[in-house]
Structures are given as C-alpha cells and as structure tokens.
Amino acid sequence: MSPKNSDGTWDIGLMQINSSWLPKLSQFGIGEKELLDRCVSANVGAWILASNIASHGPVWKAVGAYNSPNAESQRIYIQKVMNNYGGL
C-alpha cells in the first residue's frame, strides 16, 4: 500500500487502485485484501481503464483518468506514461 495521497485516499496493490474505488468494488466482493492479489489488481485495473475508454474514448485522456479526475494531474500522468511507453 502506498502512502496517503494529498486528498486522503491511498493506492492499493500492483495496479495502484485508488481507495476511492473501494465502495464500488465492494459490490463485487473486492476489498483492500483482494486488491493485494496481483491477478485481482490487474483485472480491476483493466476494468477501470476499460471504463475510462468507454467514457472518454480510446484516447490518452482515458489513461489520465486512470490516475486522477484532476485535469492537471492527468496531464502530468499522461506525460509520464508517454515517456515510459516511448522507452520500451
């Protein structure tokens, strides 16, 4: 588990699923403990990204929304992902 974020939330597991998702995930029987399982974390992360693509389209905004609802935080995150992606 990562340290708390500035908004009081925290990130959990391999895919760094934000704790703000816990109420929604609880409907599916998924809590913090389950998110520590790498397979569960990867599946939840893919589900969140797929939801973002459905909302924002297959664009970088969907990637940014995975990290934050804040536009500036999204911009910074998108740039980090693009830089890492370019280095592959």
PDB file of N, CA and C in Angstrom:
ATOM      1  N   MET A   1       0.850  -1.178   0.000  1.00  0.00           N
ATOM      2  CA  MET A   1       0.000   0.000   0.000  1.00  0.00           C
ATOM      3  C   MET A   1       0.891   1.236   0.000  1.00  0.00           C
ATOM      4  N   SER A   2       0.522   2.198  -0.821  1.00  0.00           N
ATOM      5  CA  SER A   2       1.271   3.445  -0.903  1.00  0.00           C
ATOM      6  C   SER A   2       0.847   4.395   0.207  1.00  0.00           C
ATOM      7  N   PRO A   3       1.687   5.384   0.514  1.00  0.00           N
ATOM      8  CA  PRO A   3       1.286   6.406   1.492  1.00  0.00           C
ATOM      9  C   PRO A   3       0.029   7.130   1.013  1.00  0.00           C
ATOM     10  N   LYS A   4      -0.615   7.793   1.944  1.00  0.00           N
ATOM     11  CA  LYS A   4      -1.823   8.533   1.585  1.00  0.00           C
ATOM     12  C   LYS A   4      -1.523   9.618   0.560  1.00  0.00           C
ATOM     13  N   ASN A   5      -2.486   9.826  -0.326  1.00  0.00           N
ATOM     14  CA  ASN A   5      -2.408  10.902  -1.304  1.00  0.00           C
ATOM     15  C   ASN A   5      -2.843  12.206  -0.634  1.00  0.00           C
ATOM     16  N   SER A   6      -2.631  13.305  -1.316  1.00  0.00           N
ATOM     17  CA  SER A   6      -2.958  14.612  -0.734  1.00  0.00           C
ATOM     18  C   SER A   6      -4.447  14.762  -0.435  1.00  0.00           C
ATOM     19  N   ASP A   7      -5.282  13.974  -1.111  1.00  0.00           N
ATOM     20  CA  ASP A   7      -6.726  14.060  -0.864  1.00  0.00           C
ATOM     21  C   ASP A   7      -7.210  13.064   0.190  1.00  0.00           C
ATOM     22  N   GLY A   8      -6.263  12.374   0.856  1.00  0.00           N
ATOM     23  CA  GLY A   8      -6.618  11.434   1.915  1.00  0.00           C
ATOM     24  C   GLY A   8      -6.864  10.012   1.443  1.00  0.00           C
ATOM     25  N   THR A   9      -6.876   9.806   0.124  1.00  0.00           N
ATOM     26  CA  THR A   9      -7.030   8.453  -0.403  1.00  0.00           C
ATOM     27  C   THR A   9      -5.668   7.776  -0.435  1.00  0.00           C
ATOM     28  N   TRP A  10      -5.653   6.487  -0.740  1.00  0.00           N
ATOM     29  CA  TRP A  10      -4.391   5.756  -0.866  1.00  0.00           C
ATOM     30  C   TRP A  10      -4.526   4.771  -2.022  1.00  0.00           C
ATOM     31  N   ASP A  11      -3.402   4.299  -2.507  1.00  0.00           N
ATOM     32  CA  ASP A  11      -3.361   3.398  -3.646  1.00  0.00           C
ATOM     33  C   ASP A  11      -2.972   2.003  -3.170  1.00  0.00           C
ATOM     34  N   ILE A  12      -3.612   1.001  -3.769  1.00  0.00           N
ATOM     35  CA  ILE A  12      -3.503  -0.368  -3.273  1.00  0.00           C
ATOM     36  C   ILE A  12      -3.055  -1.309  -4.384  1.00  0.00           C
ATOM     37  N   GLY A  13      -2.065  -2.132  -4.084  1.00  0.00           N
ATOM     38  CA  GLY A  13      -1.691  -3.242  -4.950  1.00  0.00           C
ATOM     39  C   GLY A  13      -0.900  -2.880  -6.189  1.00  0.00           C
ATOM     40  N   LEU A  14      -0.673  -3.911  -6.996  1.00  0.00           N
ATOM     41  CA  LEU A  14       0.139  -3.816  -8.204  1.00  0.00           C
ATOM     42  C   LEU A  14      -0.295  -2.681  -9.125  1.00  0.00           C
ATOM     43  N   MET A  15      -1.584  -2.570  -9.358  1.00  0.00           N
ATOM     44  CA  MET A  15      -2.105  -1.563 -10.284  1.00  0.00           C
ATOM     45  C   MET A  15      -2.419  -0.235  -9.603  1.00  0.00           C
ATOM     46  N   GLN A  16      -2.039  -0.127  -8.312  1.00  0.00           N
ATOM     47  CA  GLN A  16      -2.235   1.117  -7.567  1.00  0.00           C
ATOM     48  C   GLN A  16      -3.677   1.617  -7.687  1.00  0.00           C
ATOM     49  N   ILE A  17      -4.616   0.730  -7.363  1.00  0.00           N
ATOM     50  CA  ILE A  17      -6.038   1.069  -7.395  1.00  0.00           C
ATOM     51  C   ILE A  17      -6.319   2.035  -6.247  1.00  0.00           C
ATOM     52  N   ASN A  18      -6.884   3.189  -6.585  1.00  0.00           N
ATOM     53  CA  ASN A  18      -7.154   4.200  -5.571  1.00  0.00           C
ATOM     54  C   ASN A  18      -8.271   3.742  -4.645  1.00  0.00           C
ATOM     55  N   SER A  19      -8.115   4.060  -3.365  1.00  0.00           N
ATOM     56  CA  SER A  19      -9.097   3.651  -2.355  1.00  0.00           C
ATOM     57  C   SER A  19     -10.490   4.222  -2.622  1.00  0.00           C
ATOM     58  N   SER A  20     -10.597   5.261  -3.424  1.00  0.00           N
ATOM     59  CA  SER A  20     -11.913   5.817  -3.753  1.00  0.00           C
ATOM     60  C   SER A  20     -12.776   4.802  -4.512  1.00  0.00           C
ATOM     61  N   TRP A  21     -12.148   3.777  -5.087  1.00  0.00           N
ATOM     62  CA  TRP A  21     -12.882   2.726  -5.791  1.00  0.00           C
ATOM     63  C   TRP A  21     -13.467   1.682  -4.844  1.00  0.00           C
ATOM     64  N   LEU A  22     -13.042   1.648  -3.588  1.00  0.00           N
ATOM     65  CA  LEU A  22     -13.459   0.582  -2.670  1.00  0.00           C
ATOM     66  C   LEU A  22     -14.978   0.447  -2.515  1.00  0.00           C
ATOM     67  N   PRO A  23     -15.751   1.534  -2.384  1.00  0.00           N
ATOM     68  CA  PRO A  23     -17.208   1.360  -2.276  1.00  0.00           C
ATOM     69  C   PRO A  23     -17.803   0.653  -3.503  1.00  0.00           C
ATOM     70  N   LYS A  24     -17.370   1.034  -4.693  1.00  0.00           N
ATOM     71  CA  LYS A  24     -17.867   0.396  -5.919  1.00  0.00           C
ATOM     72  C   LYS A  24     -17.418  -1.059  -5.990  1.00  0.00           C
ATOM     73  N   LEU A  25     -16.148  -1.317  -5.671  1.00  0.00           N
ATOM     74  CA  LEU A  25     -15.611  -2.672  -5.753  1.00  0.00           C
ATOM     75  C   LEU A  25     -16.231  -3.601  -4.719  1.00  0.00           C
ATOM     76  N   SER A  26     -16.674  -3.041  -3.592  1.00  0.00           N
ATOM     77  CA  SER A  26     -17.276  -3.877  -2.545  1.00  0.00           C
ATOM     78  C   SER A  26     -18.543  -4.567  -3.054  1.00  0.00           C
ATOM     79  N   GLN A  27     -19.207  -3.967  -4.038  1.00  0.00           N
ATOM     80  CA  GLN A  27     -20.397  -4.577  -4.643  1.00  0.00           C
ATOM     81  C   GLN A  27     -20.058  -5.912  -5.310  1.00  0.00           C
ATOM     82  N   PHE A  28     -18.777  -6.085  -5.663  1.00  0.00           N
ATOM     83  CA  PHE A  28     -18.310  -7.298  -6.333  1.00  0.00           C
ATOM     84  C   PHE A  28     -17.498  -8.190  -5.389  1.00  0.00           C
ATOM     85  N   GLY A  29     -17.532  -7.865  -4.093  1.00  0.00           N
ATOM     86  CA  GLY A  29     -16.801  -8.663  -3.115  1.00  0.00           C
ATOM     87  C   GLY A  29     -15.305  -8.414  -3.109  1.00  0.00           C
ATOM     88  N   ILE A  30     -14.898  -7.250  -3.615  1.00  0.00           N
ATOM     89  CA  ILE A  30     -13.473  -6.912  -3.678  1.00  0.00           C
ATOM     90  C   ILE A  30     -13.182  -5.788  -2.696  1.00  0.00           C
ATOM     91  N   GLY A  31     -12.235  -6.034  -1.798  1.00  0.00           N
ATOM     92  CA  GLY A  31     -11.789  -5.042  -0.829  1.00  0.00           C
ATOM     93  C   GLY A  31     -10.283  -4.880  -0.908  1.00  0.00           C
ATOM     94  N   GLU A  32      -9.723  -4.193   0.068  1.00  0.00           N
ATOM     95  CA  GLU A  32      -8.271  -3.961   0.087  1.00  0.00           C
ATOM     96  C   GLU A  32      -7.482  -5.256   0.038  1.00  0.00           C
ATOM     97  N   LYS A  33      -7.892  -6.228   0.827  1.00  0.00           N
ATOM     98  CA  LYS A  33      -7.167  -7.502   0.885  1.00  0.00           C
ATOM     99  C   LYS A  33      -7.105  -8.155  -0.498  1.00  0.00           C
ATOM    100  N   GLU A  34      -8.226  -8.170  -1.200  1.00  0.00           N
ATOM    101  CA  GLU A  34      -8.276  -8.786  -2.527  1.00  0.00           C
ATOM    102  C   GLU A  34      -7.406  -8.034  -3.529  1.00  0.00           C
ATOM    103  N   LEU A  35      -7.325  -6.707  -3.377  1.00  0.00           N
ATOM    104  CA  LEU A  35      -6.522  -5.903  -4.308  1.00  0.00           C
ATOM    105  C   LEU A  35      -5.024  -6.143  -4.145  1.00  0.00           C
ATOM    106  N   LEU A  36      -4.619  -6.773  -3.050  1.00  0.00           N
ATOM    107  CA  LEU A  36      -3.204  -7.112  -2.875  1.00  0.00           C
ATOM    108  C   LEU A  36      -2.815  -8.335  -3.703  1.00  0.00           C
ATOM    109  N   ASP A  37      -3.809  -9.079  -4.189  1.00  0.00           N
ATOM    110  CA  ASP A  37      -3.564 -10.190  -5.104  1.00  0.00           C
ATOM    111  C   ASP A  37      -3.276  -9.596  -6.486  1.00  0.00           C
ATOM    112  N   ARG A  38      -2.129  -9.934  -7.065  1.00  0.00           N
ATOM    113  CA  ARG A  38      -1.720  -9.326  -8.339  1.00  0.00           C
ATOM    114  C   ARG A  38      -2.720  -9.573  -9.459  1.00  0.00           C
ATOM    115  N   CYS A  39      -3.305 -10.763  -9.501  1.00  0.00           N
ATOM    116  CA  CYS A  39      -4.272 -11.067 -10.562  1.00  0.00           C
ATOM    117  C   CYS A  39      -5.539 -10.230 -10.408  1.00  0.00           C
ATOM    118  N   VAL A  40      -6.027 -10.129  -9.191  1.00  0.00           N
ATOM    119  CA  VAL A  40      -7.215  -9.303  -8.932  1.00  0.00           C
ATOM    120  C   VAL A  40      -6.904  -7.852  -9.275  1.00  0.00           C
ATOM    121  N   SER A  41      -5.755  -7.371  -8.840  1.00  0.00           N
ATOM    122  CA  SER A  41      -5.361  -5.989  -9.105  1.00  0.00           C
ATOM    123  C   SER A  41      -5.288  -5.716 -10.607  1.00  0.00           C
ATOM    124  N   ALA A  42      -4.684  -6.632 -11.366  1.00  0.00           N
ATOM    125  CA  ALA A  42      -4.566  -6.456 -12.823  1.00  0.00           C
ATOM    126  C   ALA A  42      -5.943  -6.441 -13.478  1.00  0.00           C
ATOM    127  N   ASN A  43      -6.826  -7.324 -13.039  1.00  0.00           N
ATOM    128  CA  ASN A  43      -8.171  -7.353 -13.611  1.00  0.00           C
ATOM    129  C   ASN A  43      -8.959  -6.096 -13.274  1.00  0.00           C
ATOM    130  N   VAL A  44      -8.861  -5.631 -12.040  1.00  0.00           N
ATOM    131  CA  VAL A  44      -9.565  -4.406 -11.648  1.00  0.00           C
ATOM    132  C   VAL A  44      -8.986  -3.212 -12.406  1.00  0.00           C
ATOM    133  N   GLY A  45      -7.666  -3.140 -12.521  1.00  0.00           N
ATOM    134  CA  GLY A  45      -7.042  -2.054 -13.273  1.00  0.00           C
ATOM    135  C   GLY A  45      -7.503  -2.033 -14.722  1.00  0.00           C
ATOM    136  N   ALA A  46      -7.586  -3.214 -15.347  1.00  0.00           N
ATOM    137  CA  ALA A  46      -8.064  -3.300 -16.732  1.00  0.00           C
ATOM    138  C   ALA A  46      -9.524  -2.867 -16.825  1.00  0.00           C
ATOM    139  N   TRP A  47     -10.316  -3.246 -15.824  1.00  0.00           N
ATOM    140  CA  TRP A  47     -11.727  -2.856 -15.796  1.00  0.00           C
ATOM    141  C   TRP A  47     -11.873  -1.337 -15.677  1.00  0.00           C
ATOM    142  N   ILE A  48     -11.067  -0.722 -14.806  1.00  0.00           N
ATOM    143  CA  ILE A  48     -11.110   0.741 -14.648  1.00  0.00           C
ATOM    144  C   ILE A  48     -10.703   1.420 -15.951  1.00  0.00           C
ATOM    145  N   LEU A  49      -9.618   0.955 -16.567  1.00  0.00           N
ATOM    146  CA  LEU A  49      -9.173   1.555 -17.829  1.00  0.00           C
ATOM    147  C   LEU A  49     -10.231   1.368 -18.919  1.00  0.00           C
ATOM    148  N   ALA A  50     -10.848   0.183 -18.996  1.00  0.00           N
ATOM    149  CA  ALA A  50     -11.910  -0.050 -19.980  1.00  0.00           C
ATOM    150  C   ALA A  50     -13.089   0.896 -19.742  1.00  0.00           C
ATOM    151  N   SER A  51     -13.414   1.135 -18.473  1.00  0.00           N
ATOM    152  CA  SER A  51     -14.490   2.081 -18.140  1.00  0.00           C
ATOM    153  C   SER A  51     -14.129   3.488 -18.595  1.00  0.00           C
ATOM    154  N   ASN A  52     -12.865   3.859 -18.396  1.00  0.00           N
ATOM    155  CA  ASN A  52     -12.411   5.188 -18.823  1.00  0.00           C
ATOM    156  C   ASN A  52     -12.444   5.313 -20.339  1.00  0.00           C
ATOM    157  N   ILE A  53     -12.062   4.256 -21.051  1.00  0.00           N
ATOM    158  CA  ILE A  53     -12.107   4.286 -22.515  1.00  0.00           C
ATOM    159  C   ILE A  53     -13.553   4.409 -22.982  1.00  0.00           C
ATOM    160  N   ALA A  54     -14.471   3.716 -22.319  1.00  0.00           N
ATOM    161  CA  ALA A  54     -15.889   3.830 -22.670  1.00  0.00           C
ATOM    162  C   ALA A  54     -16.394   5.257 -22.449  1.00  0.00           C
ATOM    163  N   SER A  55     -15.899   5.918 -21.411  1.00  0.00           N
ATOM    164  CA  SER A  55     -16.329   7.288 -21.099  1.00  0.00           C
ATOM    165  C   SER A  55     -15.651   8.341 -21.957  1.00  0.00           C
ATOM    166  N   HIS A  56     -14.336   8.171 -22.179  1.00  0.00           N
ATOM    167  CA  HIS A  56     -13.539   9.211 -22.830  1.00  0.00           C
ATOM    168  C   HIS A  56     -13.095   8.854 -24.245  1.00  0.00           C
ATOM    169  N   GLY A  57     -13.327   7.618 -24.665  1.00  0.00           N
ATOM    170  CA  GLY A  57     -12.848   7.147 -25.956  1.00  0.00           C
ATOM    171  C   GLY A  57     -11.423   6.623 -25.813  1.00  0.00           C
ATOM    172  N   PRO A  58     -10.941   5.959 -26.876  1.00  0.00           N
ATOM    173  CA  PRO A  58      -9.589   5.374 -26.817  1.00  0.00           C
ATOM    174  C   PRO A  58      -8.518   6.446 -27.021  1.00  0.00           C
ATOM    175  N   VAL A  59      -8.446   7.348 -26.063  1.00  0.00           N
ATOM    176  CA  VAL A  59      -7.517   8.468 -26.149  1.00  0.00           C
ATOM    177  C   VAL A  59      -6.692   8.531 -24.868  1.00  0.00           C
ATOM    178  N   TRP A  60      -5.673   9.362 -24.882  1.00  0.00           N
ATOM    179  CA  TRP A  60      -4.810   9.499 -23.712  1.00  0.00           C
ATOM    180  C   TRP A  60      -5.575   9.992 -22.496  1.00  0.00           C
ATOM    181  N   LYS A  61      -6.686  10.699 -22.710  1.00  0.00           N
ATOM    182  CA  LYS A  61      -7.490  11.174 -21.573  1.00  0.00           C
ATOM    183  C   LYS A  61      -7.957  10.001 -20.713  1.00  0.00           C
ATOM    184  N   ALA A  62      -8.262   8.868 -21.332  1.00  0.00           N
ATOM    185  CA  ALA A  62      -8.675   7.679 -20.576  1.00  0.00           C
ATOM    186  C   ALA A  62      -7.545   7.196 -19.680  1.00  0.00           C
ATOM    187  N   VAL A  63      -6.309   7.286 -20.169  1.00  0.00           N
ATOM    188  CA  VAL A  63      -5.140   6.905 -19.365  1.00  0.00           C
ATOM    189  C   VAL A  63      -4.981   7.882 -18.204  1.00  0.00           C
ATOM    190  N   GLY A  64      -5.115   9.168 -18.481  1.00  0.00           N
ATOM    191  CA  GLY A  64      -5.003  10.178 -17.430  1.00  0.00           C
ATOM    192  C   GLY A  64      -6.073  10.021 -16.366  1.00  0.00           C
ATOM    193  N   ALA A  65      -7.286   9.670 -16.793  1.00  0.00           N
ATOM    194  CA  ALA A  65      -8.393   9.493 -15.853  1.00  0.00           C
ATOM    195  C   ALA A  65      -8.166   8.291 -14.943  1.00  0.00           C
ATOM    196  N   TYR A  66      -7.339   7.339 -15.377  1.00  0.00           N
ATOM    197  CA  TYR A  66      -6.993   6.193 -14.521  1.00  0.00           C
ATOM    198  C   TYR A  66      -6.291   6.686 -13.261  1.00  0.00           C
ATOM    199  N   ASN A  67      -5.515   7.759 -13.420  1.00  0.00           N
ATOM    200  CA  ASN A  67      -4.723   8.290 -12.308  1.00  0.00           C
ATOM    201  C   ASN A  67      -5.475   9.298 -11.451  1.00  0.00           C
ATOM    202  N   SER A  68      -6.270  10.169 -12.090  1.00  0.00           N
ATOM    203  CA  SER A  68      -6.872  11.270 -11.337  1.00  0.00           C
ATOM    204  C   SER A  68      -8.029  11.898 -12.108  1.00  0.00           C
ATOM    205  N   PRO A  69      -9.023  12.438 -11.405  1.00  0.00           N
ATOM    206  CA  PRO A  69     -10.059  13.212 -12.082  1.00  0.00           C
ATOM    207  C   PRO A  69      -9.606  14.651 -12.378  1.00  0.00           C
ATOM    208  N   ASN A  70      -8.491  15.070 -11.779  1.00  0.00           N
ATOM    209  CA  ASN A  70      -7.968  16.429 -11.921  1.00  0.00           C
ATOM    210  C   ASN A  70      -7.214  16.574 -13.244  1.00  0.00           C
ATOM    211  N   ALA A  71      -7.580  17.579 -14.051  1.00  0.00           N
ATOM    212  CA  ALA A  71      -7.001  17.755 -15.386  1.00  0.00           C
ATOM    213  C   ALA A  71      -5.480  17.942 -15.358  1.00  0.00           C
ATOM    214  N   GLU A  72      -4.972  18.724 -14.431  1.00  0.00           N
ATOM    215  CA  GLU A  72      -3.521  18.954 -14.365  1.00  0.00           C
ATOM    216  C   GLU A  72      -2.789  17.677 -13.953  1.00  0.00           C
ATOM    217  N   SER A  73      -3.335  16.956 -12.995  1.00  0.00           N
ATOM    218  CA  SER A  73      -2.732  15.676 -12.595  1.00  0.00           C
ATOM    219  C   SER A  73      -2.772  14.687 -13.752  1.00  0.00           C
ATOM    220  N   GLN A  74      -3.862  14.712 -14.510  1.00  0.00           N
ATOM    221  CA  GLN A  74      -3.958  13.842 -15.688  1.00  0.00           C
ATOM    222  C   GLN A  74      -2.860  14.169 -16.689  1.00  0.00           C
ATOM    223  N   ARG A  75      -2.658  15.449 -16.948  1.00  0.00           N
ATOM    224  CA  ARG A  75      -1.640  15.873 -17.915  1.00  0.00           C
ATOM    225  C   ARG A  75      -0.265  15.367 -17.502  1.00  0.00           C
ATOM    226  N   ILE A  76       0.068  15.520 -16.241  1.00  0.00           N
ATOM    227  CA  ILE A  76       1.373  15.086 -15.734  1.00  0.00           C
ATOM    228  C   ILE A  76       1.506  13.568 -15.857  1.00  0.00           C
ATOM    229  N   TYR A  77       0.465  12.839 -15.477  1.00  0.00           N
ATOM    230  CA  TYR A  77       0.494  11.379 -15.538  1.00  0.00           C
ATOM    231  C   TYR A  77       0.616  10.895 -16.985  1.00  0.00           C
ATOM    232  N   ILE A  78      -0.158  11.501 -17.882  1.00  0.00           N
ATOM    233  CA  ILE A  78      -0.095  11.128 -19.299  1.00  0.00           C
ATOM    234  C   ILE A  78       1.323  11.305 -19.824  1.00  0.00           C
ATOM    235  N   GLN A  79       1.962  12.406 -19.479  1.00  0.00           N
ATOM    236  CA  GLN A  79       3.334  12.649 -19.939  1.00  0.00           C
ATOM    237  C   GLN A  79       4.288  11.581 -19.407  1.00  0.00           C
ATOM    238  N   LYS A  80       4.129  11.203 -18.148  1.00  0.00           N
ATOM    239  CA  LYS A  80       4.977  10.146 -17.572  1.00  0.00           C
ATOM    240  C   LYS A  80       4.781   8.825 -18.312  1.00  0.00           C
ATOM    241  N   VAL A  81       3.511   8.475 -18.563  1.00  0.00           N
ATOM    242  CA  VAL A  81       3.226   7.217 -19.263  1.00  0.00           C
ATOM    243  C   VAL A  81       3.780   7.267 -20.680  1.00  0.00           C
ATOM    244  N   MET A  82       3.595   8.387 -21.369  1.00  0.00           N
ATOM    245  CA  MET A  82       4.117   8.521 -22.737  1.00  0.00           C
ATOM    246  C   MET A  82       5.640   8.383 -22.754  1.00  0.00           C
ATOM    247  N   ASN A  83       6.297   8.999 -21.797  1.00  0.00           N
ATOM    248  CA  ASN A  83       7.761   8.899 -21.726  1.00  0.00           C
ATOM    249  C   ASN A  83       8.197   7.458 -21.491  1.00  0.00           C
ATOM    250  N   ASN A  84       7.526   6.766 -20.580  1.00  0.00           N
ATOM    251  CA  ASN A  84       7.857   5.364 -20.316  1.00  0.00           C
ATOM    252  C   ASN A  84       7.530   4.484 -21.513  1.00  0.00           C
ATOM    253  N   TYR A  85       6.401   4.742 -22.157  1.00  0.00           N
ATOM    254  CA  TYR A  85       5.985   3.974 -23.330  1.00  0.00           C
ATOM    255  C   TYR A  85       7.000   4.138 -24.457  1.00  0.00           C
ATOM    256  N   GLY A  86       7.490   5.365 -24.639  1.00  0.00           N
ATOM    257  CA  GLY A  86       8.485   5.633 -25.679  1.00  0.00           C
ATOM    258  C   GLY A  86       9.809   4.945 -25.419  1.00  0.00           C
ATOM    259  N   GLY A  87      10.085   4.628 -24.164  1.00  0.00           N
ATOM    260  CA  GLY A  87      11.339   3.977 -23.807  1.00  0.00           C
ATOM    261  C   GLY A  87      11.300   2.463 -23.930  1.00  0.00           C
ATOM    262  N   LEU A  88      10.149   1.905 -24.302  1.00  0.00           N
ATOM    263  CA  LEU A  88      10.043   0.441 -24.419  1.00  0.00           C
ATOM    264  C   LEU A  88      10.717  -0.072 -25.671  1.00  0.00           C
TER     265      LEU A  88
END
